[in-house]
Amino acid sequence: MTPEKIQILIQKYKTGSCSNEEIAELNHWLENLEEDHHSDFRFIDDAHEQNLKDEIRNNIREGIKQRTFRKRFFATSWVRIAASVLLVSGISVAWIYWQSLRNKPIELVEVYAGSGEMKEVILPDGSSVHLNAKTRFKYEKDFSGKTRRVYLEGEAFFKVTRNPEKPFIIKTAQLQTKVLGTSFNIKAYPGTEKEEVTVVTGKVNVQNPQSSINLLPNQKVVYNLQNRQLSQINVSNAHDYLAWTEGRLVFEDASLTEIVEVLSRKYDVRIELGNVKMKKCMLNAQFKNEQLEKILEKLCLFLDASYYMKDGHVIIKGNGC
């Protein structure tokens, strides 16, 4: 039943105009609350939901007992009125309490890892999240609802504590990732051309309004913001995608534009390409705990390019690929 229909039945019961069929309908709805998935009926947590159901059911049952008792032993109108008011008052108070819980705002905790830094967050359920540089992460303070919902802008590696009864959901700008318990990496920086989800262990579901894909270990999805396509790709070693948590940088068929973005975030410095033709250069490279100058020297050697500092930022100059 819709909220409007329920309110109408409660008001009719309050005025004593409910038919036997309508009373049975109201009682049936209360007895089957757990099967009602209407989006307007939400509780803060399972404890509140159960307590409220029990309270309403007890009031209904007590009212039914009083109505039966009246029919058998009483004929005076004041008894009928008193019992009806008592029952409906209980339902009305419960309804108001229910609405206040449903409309209570969810408290979020925000963590930000700035340029050149990484952070680890331990969530209320014991799950751990490693944040890469320039990443904004938000999560519900106590995970009291029926899901564990978090929000990500940037890159993070998740190790999610398994709980089949309460799915873990990550929202980024373009995608929703849903898991029960697993480890995976998500890369979704604002202003970039794609979002990626790579699975290390377990099973992950990734979806947008148009598509839904299930991923297994050593698989990833890439969402291209230009053509709005969600693609599934097999990878040789998913652990390479979380190398950044160990101070390593691994690039496989990466554009020079992407490499420059990663270096800029990690070393907190602006890096520019002096020639737009260099954006098309594709590289495979690995670096482990190296200084920025060493990395730039290796890149320039491979690209037959050079770099220099100007106004506190780096410019790479070359002819392109």
C-alpha atoms as a PDB file:
ATOM      1  CA  MET A   1       0.000   0.000   0.000  1.00  0.00           C
ATOM      2  CA  THR A   2       1.049   3.570  -0.620  1.00  0.00           C
ATOM      3  CA  PRO A   3       1.667   5.968   2.324  1.00  0.00           C
ATOM      4  CA  GLU A   4      -1.447   7.913   1.282  1.00  0.00           C
ATOM      5  CA  LYS A   5      -3.647   4.793   1.434  1.00  0.00           C
ATOM      6  CA  ILE A   6      -2.248   3.875   4.865  1.00  0.00           C
ATOM      7  CA  GLN A   7      -2.929   7.372   6.236  1.00  0.00           C
ATOM      8  CA  ILE A   8      -6.498   7.246   4.910  1.00  0.00           C
ATOM      9  CA  LEU A   9      -7.133   3.913   6.641  1.00  0.00           C
ATOM     10  CA  ILE A  10      -5.718   5.204   9.929  1.00  0.00           C
ATOM     11  CA  GLN A  11      -7.914   8.301   9.782  1.00  0.00           C
ATOM     12  CA  LYS A  12     -10.991   6.189   8.987  1.00  0.00           C
ATOM     13  CA  TYR A  13     -10.203   3.911  11.921  1.00  0.00           C
ATOM     14  CA  LYS A  14      -9.830   6.969  14.128  1.00  0.00           C
ATOM     15  CA  THR A  15     -13.320   8.163  13.212  1.00  0.00           C
ATOM     16  CA  GLY A  16     -14.810   4.691  13.514  1.00  0.00           C
ATOM     17  CA  SER A  17     -15.741   4.487   9.818  1.00  0.00           C
ATOM     18  CA  CYS A  18     -13.443   1.570   8.881  1.00  0.00           C
ATOM     19  CA  SER A  19     -15.225  -1.476   7.474  1.00  0.00           C
ATOM     20  CA  ASN A  20     -14.220  -4.946   8.607  1.00  0.00           C
ATOM     21  CA  GLU A  21     -12.453  -5.434   5.277  1.00  0.00           C
ATOM     22  CA  GLU A  22     -10.437  -2.228   5.735  1.00  0.00           C
ATOM     23  CA  ILE A  23      -9.469  -3.183   9.294  1.00  0.00           C
ATOM     24  CA  ALA A  24      -8.270  -6.535   7.976  1.00  0.00           C
ATOM     25  CA  GLU A  25      -6.322  -4.754   5.214  1.00  0.00           C
ATOM     26  CA  LEU A  26      -4.587  -2.455   7.723  1.00  0.00           C
ATOM     27  CA  ASN A  27      -3.720  -5.362   9.986  1.00  0.00           C
ATOM     28  CA  HIS A  28      -2.420  -7.376   7.008  1.00  0.00           C
ATOM     29  CA  TRP A  29      -0.114  -4.497   6.034  1.00  0.00           C
ATOM     30  CA  LEU A  30       1.268  -4.251   9.567  1.00  0.00           C
ATOM     31  CA  GLU A  31       1.846  -8.005   9.701  1.00  0.00           C
ATOM     32  CA  ASN A  32       3.836  -7.897   6.442  1.00  0.00           C
ATOM     33  CA  LEU A  33       5.989  -4.792   6.886  1.00  0.00           C
ATOM     34  CA  GLU A  34       9.199  -6.733   6.297  1.00  0.00           C
ATOM     35  CA  GLU A  35       7.981  -7.614   2.789  1.00  0.00           C
ATOM     36  CA  ASP A  36       7.088  -4.021   1.902  1.00  0.00           C
ATOM     37  CA  HIS A  37       9.950  -2.592  -0.165  1.00  0.00           C
ATOM     38  CA  HIS A  38       8.242   0.690  -1.023  1.00  0.00           C
ATOM     39  CA  SER A  39      10.891   3.406  -1.254  1.00  0.00           C
ATOM     40  CA  ASP A  40       8.981   5.709   1.122  1.00  0.00           C
ATOM     41  CA  PHE A  41       9.251   3.262   4.030  1.00  0.00           C
ATOM     42  CA  ARG A  42      12.779   3.369   5.460  1.00  0.00           C
ATOM     43  CA  PHE A  43      14.142   2.956   8.969  1.00  0.00           C
ATOM     44  CA  ILE A  44      17.294   4.292  10.556  1.00  0.00           C
ATOM     45  CA  ASP A  45      18.383   0.793  11.596  1.00  0.00           C
ATOM     46  CA  ASP A  46      17.027  -2.728  12.086  1.00  0.00           C
ATOM     47  CA  ALA A  47      16.508  -2.240  15.840  1.00  0.00           C
ATOM     48  CA  HIS A  48      14.278   0.806  15.309  1.00  0.00           C
ATOM     49  CA  GLU A  49      12.371  -1.054  12.606  1.00  0.00           C
ATOM     50  CA  GLN A  50      11.702  -4.105  14.761  1.00  0.00           C
ATOM     51  CA  ASN A  51      10.734  -2.077  17.842  1.00  0.00           C
ATOM     52  CA  LEU A  52       8.320   0.020  15.833  1.00  0.00           C
ATOM     53  CA  LYS A  53       6.724  -2.999  14.152  1.00  0.00           C
ATOM     54  CA  ASP A  54       6.266  -4.693  17.511  1.00  0.00           C
ATOM     55  CA  GLU A  55       4.693  -1.565  18.976  1.00  0.00           C
ATOM     56  CA  ILE A  56       2.191  -1.195  16.142  1.00  0.00           C
ATOM     57  CA  ARG A  57       1.342  -4.900  16.066  1.00  0.00           C
ATOM     58  CA  ASN A  58       0.760  -4.961  19.821  1.00  0.00           C
ATOM     59  CA  ASN A  59      -1.572  -1.977  19.546  1.00  0.00           C
ATOM     60  CA  ILE A  60      -3.526  -3.652  16.738  1.00  0.00           C
ATOM     61  CA  ARG A  61      -3.801  -6.949  18.605  1.00  0.00           C
ATOM     62  CA  GLU A  62      -4.856  -5.192  21.800  1.00  0.00           C
ATOM     63  CA  GLY A  63      -7.465  -3.265  19.843  1.00  0.00           C
ATOM     64  CA  ILE A  64      -8.832  -6.450  18.260  1.00  0.00           C
ATOM     65  CA  LYS A  65      -9.084  -8.102  21.682  1.00  0.00           C
ATOM     66  CA  GLN A  66     -10.944  -5.088  23.064  1.00  0.00           C
ATOM     67  CA  ARG A  67     -13.324  -5.028  20.101  1.00  0.00           C
ATOM     68  CA  THR A  68     -14.116  -8.749  20.536  1.00  0.00           C
ATOM     69  CA  PHE A  69     -14.559  -8.313  24.273  1.00  0.00           C
ATOM     70  CA  ARG A  70     -16.936  -5.382  23.711  1.00  0.00           C
ATOM     71  CA  LYS A  71     -19.102  -7.311  21.287  1.00  0.00           C
ATOM     72  CA  ARG A  72     -19.509 -10.143  23.768  1.00  0.00           C
ATOM     73  CA  PHE A  73     -19.957  -8.317  27.025  1.00  0.00           C
ATOM     74  CA  PHE A  74     -20.605  -4.624  26.464  1.00  0.00           C
ATOM     75  CA  ALA A  75     -23.119  -2.623  24.515  1.00  0.00           C
ATOM     76  CA  THR A  76     -22.439   0.889  25.773  1.00  0.00           C
ATOM     77  CA  SER A  77     -21.112   3.373  23.234  1.00  0.00           C
ATOM     78  CA  TRP A  78     -18.565   4.977  25.557  1.00  0.00           C
ATOM     79  CA  VAL A  79     -16.539   1.734  25.761  1.00  0.00           C
ATOM     80  CA  ARG A  80     -16.359   1.485  21.973  1.00  0.00           C
ATOM     81  CA  ILE A  81     -15.214   5.102  21.704  1.00  0.00           C
ATOM     82  CA  ALA A  82     -12.559   4.749  24.428  1.00  0.00           C
ATOM     83  CA  ALA A  83     -11.093   1.582  22.890  1.00  0.00           C
ATOM     84  CA  SER A  84     -11.035   3.103  19.414  1.00  0.00           C
ATOM     85  CA  VAL A  85      -9.306   6.278  20.612  1.00  0.00           C
ATOM     86  CA  LEU A  86      -6.758   4.246  22.567  1.00  0.00           C
ATOM     87  CA  LEU A  87      -5.903   2.069  19.586  1.00  0.00           C
ATOM     88  CA  VAL A  88      -5.743   4.826  16.997  1.00  0.00           C
ATOM     89  CA  SER A  89      -3.733   7.076  19.332  1.00  0.00           C
ATOM     90  CA  GLY A  90      -1.130   4.352  19.611  1.00  0.00           C
ATOM     91  CA  ILE A  91      -0.969   3.948  15.835  1.00  0.00           C
ATOM     92  CA  SER A  92      -0.817   7.726  15.298  1.00  0.00           C
ATOM     93  CA  VAL A  93       2.042   8.179  17.782  1.00  0.00           C
ATOM     94  CA  ALA A  94       3.908   5.282  16.170  1.00  0.00           C
ATOM     95  CA  TRP A  95       3.301   6.759  12.708  1.00  0.00           C
ATOM     96  CA  ILE A  96       4.687  10.157  13.738  1.00  0.00           C
ATOM     97  CA  TYR A  97       7.720   8.483  15.344  1.00  0.00           C
ATOM     98  CA  TRP A  98       8.257   6.412  12.214  1.00  0.00           C
ATOM     99  CA  GLN A  99       8.192   9.499   9.989  1.00  0.00           C
ATOM    100  CA  SER A 100      10.710  11.318  12.224  1.00  0.00           C
ATOM    101  CA  LEU A 101      13.125   8.389  11.985  1.00  0.00           C
ATOM    102  CA  ARG A 102      12.693   8.072   8.224  1.00  0.00           C
ATOM    103  CA  ASN A 103      13.468  11.768   7.678  1.00  0.00           C
ATOM    104  CA  LYS A 104      16.477  11.914  10.011  1.00  0.00           C
ATOM    105  CA  PRO A 105      19.571  13.043   8.027  1.00  0.00           C
ATOM    106  CA  ILE A 106      22.464  10.609   7.643  1.00  0.00           C
ATOM    107  CA  GLU A 107      25.724  11.816   9.220  1.00  0.00           C
ATOM    108  CA  LEU A 108      28.759  11.515   6.936  1.00  0.00           C
ATOM    109  CA  VAL A 109      32.455  11.530   7.845  1.00  0.00           C
ATOM    110  CA  GLU A 110      34.823  13.058   5.272  1.00  0.00           C
ATOM    111  CA  VAL A 111      38.534  12.286   4.836  1.00  0.00           C
ATOM    112  CA  TYR A 112      40.814  14.020   2.332  1.00  0.00           C
ATOM    113  CA  ALA A 113      44.308  13.005   1.210  1.00  0.00           C
ATOM    114  CA  GLY A 114      46.056  16.010  -0.313  1.00  0.00           C
ATOM    115  CA  SER A 115      48.689  16.198  -3.040  1.00  0.00           C
ATOM    116  CA  GLY A 116      51.749  14.136  -2.239  1.00  0.00           C
ATOM    117  CA  GLU A 117      50.164  12.156   0.605  1.00  0.00           C
ATOM    118  CA  MET A 118      48.302   8.898   1.249  1.00  0.00           C
ATOM    119  CA  LYS A 119      45.960   7.974   4.098  1.00  0.00           C
ATOM    120  CA  GLU A 120      44.396   4.836   5.532  1.00  0.00           C
ATOM    121  CA  VAL A 121      40.846   4.849   6.918  1.00  0.00           C
ATOM    122  CA  ILE A 122      39.364   2.111   9.132  1.00  0.00           C
ATOM    123  CA  LEU A 123      35.585   2.030   8.743  1.00  0.00           C
ATOM    124  CA  PRO A 124      32.996   1.185  11.456  1.00  0.00           C
ATOM    125  CA  ASP A 125      32.676  -2.399  10.144  1.00  0.00           C
ATOM    126  CA  GLY A 126      36.440  -3.015  10.217  1.00  0.00           C
ATOM    127  CA  SER A 127      36.947  -2.522   6.475  1.00  0.00           C
ATOM    128  CA  SER A 128      40.097  -0.608   5.483  1.00  0.00           C
ATOM    129  CA  VAL A 129      40.457   1.983   2.729  1.00  0.00           C
ATOM    130  CA  HIS A 130      43.807   3.289   1.412  1.00  0.00           C
ATOM    131  CA  LEU A 131      43.456   6.731  -0.161  1.00  0.00           C
ATOM    132  CA  ASN A 132      45.817   7.900  -2.895  1.00  0.00           C
ATOM    133  CA  ALA A 133      46.877  11.523  -3.321  1.00  0.00           C
ATOM    134  CA  LYS A 134      44.196  14.149  -4.013  1.00  0.00           C
ATOM    135  CA  THR A 135      41.367  11.825  -2.979  1.00  0.00           C
ATOM    136  CA  ARG A 136      38.165  12.758  -1.172  1.00  0.00           C
ATOM    137  CA  PHE A 137      36.313   9.984   0.685  1.00  0.00           C
ATOM    138  CA  LYS A 138      33.027  10.066   2.628  1.00  0.00           C
ATOM    139  CA  TYR A 139      31.315   7.343   4.635  1.00  0.00           C
ATOM    140  CA  GLU A 140      28.277   6.943   6.879  1.00  0.00           C
ATOM    141  CA  LYS A 141      29.326   7.403  10.495  1.00  0.00           C
ATOM    142  CA  ASP A 142      27.907   4.199  11.965  1.00  0.00           C
ATOM    143  CA  PHE A 143      26.675   2.068   9.017  1.00  0.00           C
ATOM    144  CA  SER A 144      23.329   1.732  10.832  1.00  0.00           C
ATOM    145  CA  GLY A 145      21.240   1.258   7.685  1.00  0.00           C
ATOM    146  CA  LYS A 146      20.678  -1.826   5.573  1.00  0.00           C
ATOM    147  CA  THR A 147      23.730  -1.067   3.392  1.00  0.00           C
ATOM    148  CA  ARG A 148      27.252   0.237   3.975  1.00  0.00           C
ATOM    149  CA  ARG A 149      27.419   3.247   1.661  1.00  0.00           C
ATOM    150  CA  VAL A 150      30.532   5.341   0.884  1.00  0.00           C
ATOM    151  CA  TYR A 151      31.461   8.025  -1.648  1.00  0.00           C
ATOM    152  CA  LEU A 152      34.739   8.454  -3.555  1.00  0.00           C
ATOM    153  CA  GLU A 153      36.438  11.127  -5.634  1.00  0.00           C
ATOM    154  CA  GLY A 154      39.955  10.026  -6.573  1.00  0.00           C
ATOM    155  CA  GLU A 155      41.640   6.652  -6.092  1.00  0.00           C
ATOM    156  CA  ALA A 156      41.353   4.135  -3.273  1.00  0.00           C
ATOM    157  CA  PHE A 157      42.125   0.501  -2.528  1.00  0.00           C
ATOM    158  CA  PHE A 158      39.415  -1.258  -0.506  1.00  0.00           C
ATOM    159  CA  LYS A 159      39.594  -4.316   1.751  1.00  0.00           C
ATOM    160  CA  VAL A 160      35.960  -4.880   2.675  1.00  0.00           C
ATOM    161  CA  THR A 161      34.904  -6.977   5.664  1.00  0.00           C
ATOM    162  CA  ARG A 162      32.442  -9.620   4.480  1.00  0.00           C
ATOM    163  CA  ASN A 163      28.804  -9.186   5.510  1.00  0.00           C
ATOM    164  CA  PRO A 164      26.238 -10.826   3.185  1.00  0.00           C
ATOM    165  CA  GLU A 165      23.396  -9.191   5.127  1.00  0.00           C
ATOM    166  CA  LYS A 166      24.670  -5.659   4.531  1.00  0.00           C
ATOM    167  CA  PRO A 167      26.152  -4.942   1.056  1.00  0.00           C
ATOM    168  CA  PHE A 168      29.016  -2.443   0.721  1.00  0.00           C
ATOM    169  CA  ILE A 169      28.315   0.206  -1.943  1.00  0.00           C
ATOM    170  CA  ILE A 170      30.782   2.738  -3.382  1.00  0.00           C
ATOM    171  CA  LYS A 171      29.429   5.714  -5.308  1.00  0.00           C
ATOM    172  CA  THR A 172      31.652   7.650  -7.720  1.00  0.00           C
ATOM    173  CA  ALA A 173      30.651  10.342 -10.198  1.00  0.00           C
ATOM    174  CA  GLN A 174      29.685   7.836 -12.912  1.00  0.00           C
ATOM    175  CA  LEU A 175      29.549   4.360 -11.352  1.00  0.00           C
ATOM    176  CA  GLN A 176      28.170   2.348  -8.460  1.00  0.00           C
ATOM    177  CA  THR A 177      30.237  -0.581  -7.167  1.00  0.00           C
ATOM    178  CA  LYS A 178      28.573  -3.182  -4.943  1.00  0.00           C
ATOM    179  CA  VAL A 179      30.353  -5.919  -2.953  1.00  0.00           C
ATOM    180  CA  LEU A 180      29.740  -8.233   0.001  1.00  0.00           C
ATOM    181  CA  GLY A 181      33.385  -8.652   1.044  1.00  0.00           C
ATOM    182  CA  THR A 182      36.468  -8.455  -1.170  1.00  0.00           C
ATOM    183  CA  SER A 183      39.482  -6.321  -2.184  1.00  0.00           C
ATOM    184  CA  PHE A 184      39.619  -4.036  -5.198  1.00  0.00           C
ATOM    185  CA  ASN A 185      40.926  -0.717  -6.519  1.00  0.00           C
ATOM    186  CA  ILE A 186      38.822   2.191  -7.800  1.00  0.00           C
ATOM    187  CA  LYS A 187      40.205   5.100  -9.781  1.00  0.00           C
ATOM    188  CA  ALA A 188      37.776   7.967 -10.401  1.00  0.00           C
ATOM    189  CA  TYR A 189      39.491  11.348 -10.377  1.00  0.00           C
ATOM    190  CA  PRO A 190      37.362  14.376 -11.315  1.00  0.00           C
ATOM    191  CA  GLY A 191      38.270  15.873 -14.675  1.00  0.00           C
ATOM    192  CA  THR A 192      39.755  12.670 -16.138  1.00  0.00           C
ATOM    193  CA  GLU A 193      38.430  10.799 -19.176  1.00  0.00           C
ATOM    194  CA  LYS A 194      37.654   7.480 -17.478  1.00  0.00           C
ATOM    195  CA  GLU A 195      36.818   5.624 -14.272  1.00  0.00           C
ATOM    196  CA  GLU A 196      38.246   2.187 -13.452  1.00  0.00           C
ATOM    197  CA  VAL A 197      37.430  -0.644 -11.040  1.00  0.00           C
ATOM    198  CA  THR A 198      39.966  -3.488 -10.724  1.00  0.00           C
ATOM    199  CA  VAL A 199      39.299  -6.625  -8.656  1.00  0.00           C
ATOM    200  CA  VAL A 200      42.073  -8.306  -6.648  1.00  0.00           C
ATOM    201  CA  THR A 201      40.003 -10.852  -4.691  1.00  0.00           C
ATOM    202  CA  GLY A 202      36.335 -11.811  -4.511  1.00  0.00           C
ATOM    203  CA  LYS A 203      33.468 -10.676  -6.725  1.00  0.00           C
ATOM    204  CA  VAL A 204      32.347  -7.136  -7.541  1.00  0.00           C
ATOM    205  CA  ASN A 205      29.339  -5.718  -9.358  1.00  0.00           C
ATOM    206  CA  VAL A 206      29.813  -2.434 -11.240  1.00  0.00           C
ATOM    207  CA  GLN A 207      26.942  -0.570 -12.826  1.00  0.00           C
ATOM    208  CA  ASN A 208      25.727   2.667 -14.315  1.00  0.00           C
ATOM    209  CA  PRO A 209      22.210   3.483 -15.520  1.00  0.00           C
ATOM    210  CA  GLN A 210      22.839   1.672 -18.829  1.00  0.00           C
ATOM    211  CA  SER A 211      24.942  -1.377 -17.916  1.00  0.00           C
ATOM    212  CA  SER A 212      25.820  -3.840 -15.137  1.00  0.00           C
ATOM    213  CA  ILE A 213      28.954  -6.034 -15.083  1.00  0.00           C
ATOM    214  CA  ASN A 214      30.137  -8.662 -12.589  1.00  0.00           C
ATOM    215  CA  LEU A 215      33.916  -8.836 -12.095  1.00  0.00           C
ATOM    216  CA  LEU A 216      36.206 -11.590 -10.805  1.00  0.00           C
ATOM    217  CA  PRO A 217      39.894 -11.381  -9.767  1.00  0.00           C
ATOM    218  CA  ASN A 218      42.246 -10.016 -12.455  1.00  0.00           C
ATOM    219  CA  GLN A 219      39.378  -8.284 -14.232  1.00  0.00           C
ATOM    220  CA  LYS A 220      38.535  -4.609 -14.457  1.00  0.00           C
ATOM    221  CA  VAL A 221      35.934  -2.330 -15.983  1.00  0.00           C
ATOM    222  CA  VAL A 222      36.683   0.984 -17.635  1.00  0.00           C
ATOM    223  CA  TYR A 223      34.016   3.624 -18.083  1.00  0.00           C
ATOM    224  CA  ASN A 224      34.874   6.071 -20.875  1.00  0.00           C
ATOM    225  CA  LEU A 225      33.276   9.446 -20.228  1.00  0.00           C
ATOM    226  CA  GLN A 226      33.540  10.465 -23.888  1.00  0.00           C
ATOM    227  CA  ASN A 227      31.583   7.599 -25.465  1.00  0.00           C
ATOM    228  CA  ARG A 228      29.770   6.596 -22.219  1.00  0.00           C
ATOM    229  CA  GLN A 229      30.784   2.967 -22.692  1.00  0.00           C
ATOM    230  CA  LEU A 230      31.418   0.467 -19.881  1.00  0.00           C
ATOM    231  CA  SER A 231      34.018  -2.127 -20.950  1.00  0.00           C
ATOM    232  CA  GLN A 232      35.300  -5.274 -19.229  1.00  0.00           C
ATOM    233  CA  ILE A 233      39.020  -6.105 -19.547  1.00  0.00           C
ATOM    234  CA  ASN A 234      41.186  -8.992 -18.323  1.00  0.00           C
ATOM    235  CA  VAL A 235      44.464  -7.901 -16.691  1.00  0.00           C
ATOM    236  CA  SER A 236      47.641  -9.958 -16.214  1.00  0.00           C
ATOM    237  CA  ASN A 237      48.153  -9.012 -12.556  1.00  0.00           C
ATOM    238  CA  ALA A 238      45.613  -6.992 -10.604  1.00  0.00           C
ATOM    239  CA  HIS A 239      48.165  -6.374  -7.835  1.00  0.00           C
ATOM    240  CA  ASP A 240      49.946  -3.941 -10.178  1.00  0.00           C
ATOM    241  CA  TYR A 241      46.945  -1.629  -9.838  1.00  0.00           C
ATOM    242  CA  LEU A 242      47.518  -1.226  -6.122  1.00  0.00           C
ATOM    243  CA  ALA A 243      51.308  -0.829  -6.441  1.00  0.00           C
ATOM    244  CA  TRP A 244      50.844   2.819  -5.437  1.00  0.00           C
ATOM    245  CA  THR A 245      50.022   1.669  -1.884  1.00  0.00           C
ATOM    246  CA  GLU A 246      53.624   0.387  -1.671  1.00  0.00           C
ATOM    247  CA  GLY A 247      55.249   3.459  -3.218  1.00  0.00           C
ATOM    248  CA  ARG A 248      55.564   1.830  -6.651  1.00  0.00           C
ATOM    249  CA  LEU A 249      54.300   3.247  -9.950  1.00  0.00           C
ATOM    250  CA  VAL A 250      53.298   0.787 -12.678  1.00  0.00           C
ATOM    251  CA  PHE A 251      52.162   1.982 -16.107  1.00  0.00           C
ATOM    252  CA  GLU A 252      50.852  -0.419 -18.766  1.00  0.00           C
ATOM    253  CA  ASP A 253      49.967   1.073 -22.149  1.00  0.00           C
ATOM    254  CA  ALA A 254      49.510   4.394 -20.405  1.00  0.00           C
ATOM    255  CA  SER A 255      49.416   7.703 -22.242  1.00  0.00           C
ATOM    256  CA  LEU A 256      51.988  10.338 -21.349  1.00  0.00           C
ATOM    257  CA  THR A 257      49.064  12.531 -20.292  1.00  0.00           C
ATOM    258  CA  GLU A 258      47.996   9.934 -17.719  1.00  0.00           C
ATOM    259  CA  ILE A 259      51.570   9.447 -16.484  1.00  0.00           C
ATOM    260  CA  VAL A 260      51.992  13.204 -16.011  1.00  0.00           C
ATOM    261  CA  GLU A 261      48.734  13.369 -14.023  1.00  0.00           C
ATOM    262  CA  VAL A 262      49.899  10.578 -11.698  1.00  0.00           C
ATOM    263  CA  LEU A 263      53.296  12.181 -11.145  1.00  0.00           C
ATOM    264  CA  SER A 264      51.722  15.577 -10.477  1.00  0.00           C
ATOM    265  CA  ARG A 265      49.493  14.155  -7.742  1.00  0.00           C
ATOM    266  CA  LYS A 266      52.181  12.004  -6.155  1.00  0.00           C
ATOM    267  CA  TYR A 267      54.937  14.621  -6.041  1.00  0.00           C
ATOM    268  CA  ASP A 268      52.670  17.667  -5.549  1.00  0.00           C
ATOM    269  CA  VAL A 269      54.032  19.563  -8.546  1.00  0.00           C
ATOM    270  CA  ARG A 270      52.484  20.804 -11.767  1.00  0.00           C
ATOM    271  CA  ILE A 271      53.870  19.085 -14.859  1.00  0.00           C
ATOM    272  CA  GLU A 272      53.044  20.255 -18.388  1.00  0.00           C
ATOM    273  CA  LEU A 273      53.730  18.942 -21.883  1.00  0.00           C
ATOM    274  CA  GLY A 274      55.327  21.552 -24.122  1.00  0.00           C
ATOM    275  CA  ASN A 275      53.982  19.921 -27.278  1.00  0.00           C
ATOM    276  CA  VAL A 276      50.406  18.627 -27.711  1.00  0.00           C
ATOM    277  CA  LYS A 277      51.746  15.854 -29.971  1.00  0.00           C
ATOM    278  CA  MET A 278      53.322  14.275 -26.900  1.00  0.00           C
ATOM    279  CA  LYS A 279      49.890  13.426 -25.518  1.00  0.00           C
ATOM    280  CA  LYS A 280      49.673  10.520 -27.987  1.00  0.00           C
ATOM    281  CA  CYS A 281      52.816   8.830 -26.624  1.00  0.00           C
ATOM    282  CA  MET A 282      52.039   5.430 -24.991  1.00  0.00           C
ATOM    283  CA  LEU A 283      54.454   3.919 -22.488  1.00  0.00           C
ATOM    284  CA  ASN A 284      55.090   0.855 -20.304  1.00  0.00           C
ATOM    285  CA  ALA A 285      57.167   1.727 -17.259  1.00  0.00           C
ATOM    286  CA  GLN A 286      57.735   0.904 -13.580  1.00  0.00           C
ATOM    287  CA  PHE A 287      59.279   3.060 -10.871  1.00  0.00           C
ATOM    288  CA  LYS A 288      59.869   2.150  -7.236  1.00  0.00           C
ATOM    289  CA  ASN A 289      60.338   4.851  -4.605  1.00  0.00           C
ATOM    290  CA  GLU A 290      62.336   7.049  -7.004  1.00  0.00           C
ATOM    291  CA  GLN A 291      62.767  10.788  -6.851  1.00  0.00           C
ATOM    292  CA  LEU A 292      60.838  12.837  -9.399  1.00  0.00           C
ATOM    293  CA  GLU A 293      64.029  14.010 -11.107  1.00  0.00           C
ATOM    294  CA  LYS A 294      65.123  10.416 -11.779  1.00  0.00           C
ATOM    295  CA  ILE A 295      61.739   9.523 -13.231  1.00  0.00           C
ATOM    296  CA  LEU A 296      61.710  12.581 -15.488  1.00  0.00           C
ATOM    297  CA  GLU A 297      65.205  11.746 -16.745  1.00  0.00           C
ATOM    298  CA  LYS A 298      64.143   8.208 -17.683  1.00  0.00           C
ATOM    299  CA  LEU A 299      61.002   9.410 -19.411  1.00  0.00           C
ATOM    300  CA  CYS A 300      62.884  12.010 -21.413  1.00  0.00           C
ATOM    301  CA  LEU A 301      65.519   9.451 -22.415  1.00  0.00           C
ATOM    302  CA  PHE A 302      62.818   7.150 -23.782  1.00  0.00           C
ATOM    303  CA  LEU A 303      60.946   9.997 -25.530  1.00  0.00           C
ATOM    304  CA  ASP A 304      64.046  11.768 -26.843  1.00  0.00           C
ATOM    305  CA  ALA A 305      62.826  14.809 -24.933  1.00  0.00           C
ATOM    306  CA  SER A 306      64.017  17.154 -22.201  1.00  0.00           C
ATOM    307  CA  TYR A 307      62.526  18.947 -19.228  1.00  0.00           C
ATOM    308  CA  TYR A 308      63.109  22.191 -17.386  1.00  0.00           C
ATOM    309  CA  MET A 309      61.657  24.152 -14.463  1.00  0.00           C
ATOM    310  CA  LYS A 310      59.707  27.371 -14.961  1.00  0.00           C
ATOM    311  CA  ASP A 311      57.851  29.367 -12.295  1.00  0.00           C
ATOM    312  CA  GLY A 312      57.927  26.411  -9.919  1.00  0.00           C
ATOM    313  CA  HIS A 313      56.498  23.789 -12.301  1.00  0.00           C
ATOM    314  CA  VAL A 314      57.946  21.263 -14.755  1.00  0.00           C
ATOM    315  CA  ILE A 315      57.702  21.479 -18.545  1.00  0.00           C
ATOM    316  CA  ILE A 316      58.586  18.489 -20.734  1.00  0.00           C
ATOM    317  CA  LYS A 317      59.664  19.484 -24.228  1.00  0.00           C
ATOM    318  CA  GLY A 318      59.835  17.120 -27.214  1.00  0.00           C
ATOM    319  CA  ASN A 319      58.611  16.389 -30.738  1.00  0.00           C
ATOM    320  CA  GLY A 320      56.000  13.828 -29.752  1.00  0.00           C
ATOM    321  CA  CYS A 321      55.448  10.255 -30.949  1.00  0.00           C
END
